Amino acid sequence: MSTPVRDSYAFCESTVQDAISAYNSKQYKSIRATAGAFNLPESTLRKRMSGRISRSRAHEYRQSLSPAEEKTLLWKWLRKSAIIVSKS
């Protein structure tokens, strides 16, 4: 049986970076207040502020394709799929 995905912890990398910037610019008094304002787990914000990298970046070296190669391949596939669908 597969492990369920935690939708409540699904957040964008830019949100984490925005929260770190807001805390560093003294917009919030505490990390807890910052995490609450950006709807992030406090532990995630603390870990990222201490230098831990995101999950996606941590396992990047295991991927066969670079992000640029993935994007190129996706666009080629989408264009090919659109041509096939439009000819029907």
N, C-alpha and C. Protein backbone atom coordinates (compact mmCIF):
# COMPACT_ATOMS: atom_id res chain seq x y z
N MET A 1 0.85 -1.19 0.00
CA MET A 1 0.00 0.00 0.00
C MET A 1 0.89 1.24 0.00
N SER A 2 0.53 2.22 -0.80
CA SER A 2 1.35 3.42 -0.90
C SER A 2 1.06 4.39 0.24
N THR A 3 2.03 5.23 0.50
CA THR A 3 1.91 6.24 1.55
C THR A 3 1.08 7.41 1.03
N PRO A 4 0.10 7.88 1.80
CA PRO A 4 -0.72 9.00 1.32
C PRO A 4 0.09 10.29 1.24
N VAL A 5 -0.24 11.11 0.27
CA VAL A 5 0.42 12.40 0.11
C VAL A 5 -0.22 13.40 1.05
N ARG A 6 0.59 14.20 1.71
CA ARG A 6 0.07 15.20 2.63
C ARG A 6 -0.26 16.48 1.87
N ASP A 7 -1.51 16.62 1.47
CA ASP A 7 -1.92 17.81 0.72
C ASP A 7 -1.79 19.08 1.56
N SER A 8 -1.96 18.95 2.88
CA SER A 8 -1.89 20.13 3.72
C SER A 8 -0.48 20.71 3.77
N TYR A 9 0.52 19.91 3.42
CA TYR A 9 1.90 20.40 3.42
C TYR A 9 2.41 20.72 2.02
N ALA A 10 1.51 20.75 1.06
CA ALA A 10 1.90 21.08 -0.30
C ALA A 10 2.01 22.60 -0.41
N PHE A 11 3.22 23.08 -0.58
CA PHE A 11 3.42 24.51 -0.71
C PHE A 11 4.51 24.76 -1.73
N CYS A 12 4.50 25.93 -2.24
CA CYS A 12 5.40 26.31 -3.32
C CYS A 12 6.73 26.79 -2.75
N GLU A 13 7.78 26.52 -3.47
CA GLU A 13 9.12 26.96 -3.07
C GLU A 13 9.18 28.47 -2.91
N SER A 14 8.47 29.18 -3.78
CA SER A 14 8.49 30.65 -3.69
C SER A 14 7.85 31.13 -2.39
N THR A 15 6.87 30.39 -1.87
CA THR A 15 6.24 30.76 -0.60
C THR A 15 7.25 30.66 0.53
N VAL A 16 8.05 29.60 0.52
CA VAL A 16 9.08 29.43 1.55
C VAL A 16 10.09 30.56 1.46
N GLN A 17 10.53 30.89 0.26
CA GLN A 17 11.50 31.96 0.08
C GLN A 17 10.92 33.32 0.49
N ASP A 18 9.65 33.54 0.18
CA ASP A 18 8.99 34.79 0.59
C ASP A 18 8.92 34.89 2.11
N ALA A 19 8.63 33.77 2.76
CA ALA A 19 8.55 33.75 4.23
C ALA A 19 9.92 34.04 4.84
N ILE A 20 10.96 33.45 4.29
CA ILE A 20 12.32 33.69 4.80
C ILE A 20 12.69 35.16 4.62
N SER A 21 12.37 35.72 3.48
CA SER A 21 12.66 37.14 3.22
C SER A 21 11.89 38.04 4.19
N ALA A 22 10.63 37.71 4.42
CA ALA A 22 9.80 38.51 5.34
C ALA A 22 10.36 38.46 6.75
N TYR A 23 10.79 37.29 7.20
CA TYR A 23 11.36 37.18 8.55
C TYR A 23 12.68 37.94 8.64
N ASN A 24 13.52 37.79 7.64
CA ASN A 24 14.83 38.46 7.65
C ASN A 24 14.70 39.97 7.59
N SER A 25 13.63 40.47 6.99
CA SER A 25 13.42 41.92 6.91
C SER A 25 12.61 42.44 8.10
N LYS A 26 12.46 41.59 9.12
CA LYS A 26 11.81 41.97 10.39
C LYS A 26 10.34 42.33 10.26
N GLN A 27 9.65 41.73 9.27
CA GLN A 27 8.21 41.98 9.13
C GLN A 27 7.43 41.22 10.20
N TYR A 28 8.01 40.16 10.73
CA TYR A 28 7.38 39.36 11.78
C TYR A 28 8.36 39.20 12.93
N LYS A 29 7.82 39.09 14.15
CA LYS A 29 8.67 39.02 15.33
C LYS A 29 9.28 37.65 15.57
N SER A 30 8.61 36.61 15.08
CA SER A 30 9.11 35.26 15.33
C SER A 30 8.95 34.38 14.10
N ILE A 31 9.67 33.28 14.12
CA ILE A 31 9.55 32.32 13.03
C ILE A 31 8.15 31.71 13.05
N ARG A 32 7.62 31.49 14.24
CA ARG A 32 6.27 30.93 14.36
C ARG A 32 5.24 31.85 13.71
N ALA A 33 5.35 33.14 13.99
CA ALA A 33 4.40 34.10 13.40
C ALA A 33 4.55 34.15 11.88
N THR A 34 5.78 34.08 11.42
CA THR A 34 6.03 34.10 9.97
C THR A 34 5.44 32.87 9.32
N ALA A 35 5.68 31.70 9.92
CA ALA A 35 5.15 30.45 9.37
C ALA A 35 3.63 30.49 9.32
N GLY A 36 3.01 31.01 10.37
CA GLY A 36 1.56 31.11 10.41
C GLY A 36 1.02 32.05 9.34
N ALA A 37 1.70 33.16 9.13
CA ALA A 37 1.25 34.13 8.13
C ALA A 37 1.33 33.56 6.72
N PHE A 38 2.30 32.70 6.48
CA PHE A 38 2.48 32.12 5.14
C PHE A 38 1.89 30.71 5.02
N ASN A 39 1.22 30.27 6.07
CA ASN A 39 0.58 28.94 6.09
C ASN A 39 1.59 27.82 5.81
N LEU A 40 2.73 27.90 6.49
CA LEU A 40 3.78 26.89 6.36
C LEU A 40 3.98 26.20 7.70
N PRO A 41 4.40 24.94 7.70
CA PRO A 41 4.77 24.31 8.97
C PRO A 41 5.98 25.05 9.56
N GLU A 42 5.92 25.32 10.84
CA GLU A 42 7.02 26.03 11.50
C GLU A 42 8.33 25.26 11.37
N SER A 43 8.24 23.93 11.49
CA SER A 43 9.46 23.11 11.40
C SER A 43 10.12 23.24 10.03
N THR A 44 9.31 23.32 8.99
CA THR A 44 9.85 23.47 7.64
C THR A 44 10.58 24.79 7.51
N LEU A 45 9.97 25.84 8.00
CA LEU A 45 10.59 27.16 7.90
C LEU A 45 11.89 27.21 8.70
N ARG A 46 11.88 26.65 9.90
CA ARG A 46 13.10 26.62 10.72
C ARG A 46 14.22 25.85 10.03
N LYS A 47 13.88 24.69 9.48
CA LYS A 47 14.90 23.86 8.82
C LYS A 47 15.47 24.57 7.60
N ARG A 48 14.60 25.18 6.83
CA ARG A 48 15.07 25.85 5.62
C ARG A 48 15.92 27.08 5.96
N MET A 49 15.58 27.76 7.06
CA MET A 49 16.37 28.91 7.48
C MET A 49 17.73 28.49 8.02
N SER A 50 17.82 27.26 8.51
CA SER A 50 19.11 26.78 9.02
C SER A 50 19.97 26.17 7.92
N GLY A 51 19.47 26.17 6.69
CA GLY A 51 20.28 25.73 5.57
C GLY A 51 19.87 24.45 4.88
N ARG A 52 18.86 23.78 5.39
CA ARG A 52 18.42 22.55 4.73
C ARG A 52 17.79 22.89 3.38
N ILE A 53 18.05 22.05 2.38
CA ILE A 53 17.50 22.30 1.06
C ILE A 53 16.16 21.57 0.90
N SER A 54 15.39 21.98 -0.09
CA SER A 54 14.07 21.40 -0.32
C SER A 54 14.19 19.95 -0.77
N ARG A 55 13.11 19.20 -0.63
CA ARG A 55 13.11 17.79 -1.04
C ARG A 55 13.44 17.63 -2.52
N SER A 56 12.83 18.45 -3.33
CA SER A 56 13.06 18.32 -4.78
C SER A 56 14.52 18.60 -5.13
N ARG A 57 15.13 19.56 -4.48
CA ARG A 57 16.54 19.86 -4.75
C ARG A 57 17.45 18.81 -4.14
N ALA A 58 17.04 18.22 -3.02
CA ALA A 58 17.88 17.22 -2.35
C ALA A 58 18.07 15.98 -3.19
N HIS A 59 17.11 15.64 -4.01
CA HIS A 59 17.17 14.41 -4.81
C HIS A 59 17.38 14.69 -6.29
N GLU A 60 17.76 15.90 -6.61
CA GLU A 60 17.94 16.30 -8.00
C GLU A 60 19.01 15.46 -8.70
N TYR A 61 20.04 15.09 -7.97
CA TYR A 61 21.14 14.34 -8.57
C TYR A 61 20.72 12.95 -9.04
N ARG A 62 19.61 12.43 -8.53
CA ARG A 62 19.13 11.10 -8.91
C ARG A 62 18.34 11.11 -10.22
N GLN A 63 17.96 12.26 -10.69
CA GLN A 63 17.13 12.35 -11.88
C GLN A 63 17.96 12.12 -13.14
N SER A 64 17.37 11.44 -14.10
CA SER A 64 18.05 11.17 -15.36
C SER A 64 18.13 12.41 -16.24
N LEU A 65 17.11 13.24 -16.19
CA LEU A 65 17.06 14.44 -17.02
C LEU A 65 17.20 15.69 -16.15
N SER A 66 17.81 16.70 -16.70
CA SER A 66 17.88 17.99 -16.01
C SER A 66 16.50 18.65 -16.12
N PRO A 67 16.21 19.63 -15.27
CA PRO A 67 14.93 20.33 -15.39
C PRO A 67 14.71 20.94 -16.78
N ALA A 68 15.76 21.44 -17.40
CA ALA A 68 15.63 22.01 -18.75
C ALA A 68 15.29 20.93 -19.77
N GLU A 69 15.92 19.76 -19.64
CA GLU A 69 15.63 18.65 -20.55
C GLU A 69 14.20 18.15 -20.36
N GLU A 70 13.75 18.09 -19.11
CA GLU A 70 12.36 17.69 -18.83
C GLU A 70 11.38 18.63 -19.50
N LYS A 71 11.63 19.92 -19.36
CA LYS A 71 10.74 20.93 -19.93
C LYS A 71 10.69 20.81 -21.46
N THR A 72 11.86 20.63 -22.07
CA THR A 72 11.93 20.48 -23.53
C THR A 72 11.17 19.24 -23.98
N LEU A 73 11.39 18.14 -23.30
CA LEU A 73 10.72 16.89 -23.64
C LEU A 73 9.20 17.02 -23.48
N LEU A 74 8.77 17.69 -22.42
CA LEU A 74 7.34 17.90 -22.18
C LEU A 74 6.72 18.71 -23.31
N TRP A 75 7.38 19.81 -23.71
CA TRP A 75 6.84 20.64 -24.79
C TRP A 75 6.76 19.87 -26.10
N LYS A 76 7.78 19.06 -26.38
CA LYS A 76 7.75 18.25 -27.61
C LYS A 76 6.58 17.28 -27.57
N TRP A 77 6.38 16.64 -26.43
CA TRP A 77 5.29 15.68 -26.27
C TRP A 77 3.93 16.37 -26.41
N LEU A 78 3.79 17.54 -25.78
CA LEU A 78 2.53 18.28 -25.86
C LEU A 78 2.23 18.71 -27.30
N ARG A 79 3.23 19.19 -28.01
CA ARG A 79 3.03 19.59 -29.40
C ARG A 79 2.63 18.40 -30.26
N LYS A 80 3.29 17.27 -30.05
CA LYS A 80 2.97 16.07 -30.82
C LYS A 80 1.55 15.60 -30.49
N SER A 81 1.17 15.63 -29.22
CA SER A 81 -0.17 15.23 -28.81
C SER A 81 -1.23 16.15 -29.40
N ALA A 82 -0.95 17.43 -29.44
CA ALA A 82 -1.90 18.40 -30.00
C ALA A 82 -2.10 18.16 -31.48
N ILE A 83 -1.05 17.81 -32.19
CA ILE A 83 -1.16 17.53 -33.63
C ILE A 83 -2.00 16.29 -33.86
N ILE A 84 -1.77 15.26 -33.07
CA ILE A 84 -2.52 14.01 -33.21
C ILE A 84 -4.00 14.25 -32.93
N VAL A 85 -4.31 14.99 -31.89
CA VAL A 85 -5.69 15.26 -31.51
C VAL A 85 -6.37 16.13 -32.57
N SER A 86 -5.68 17.13 -33.08
CA SER A 86 -6.30 18.04 -34.04
C SER A 86 -6.55 17.38 -35.40
N LYS A 87 -5.80 16.35 -35.76
CA LYS A 87 -6.00 15.66 -37.03
C LYS A 87 -7.19 14.71 -36.98
N SER A 88 -7.66 14.36 -35.83
CA SER A 88 -8.76 13.40 -35.69
C SER A 88 -10.08 13.98 -36.13
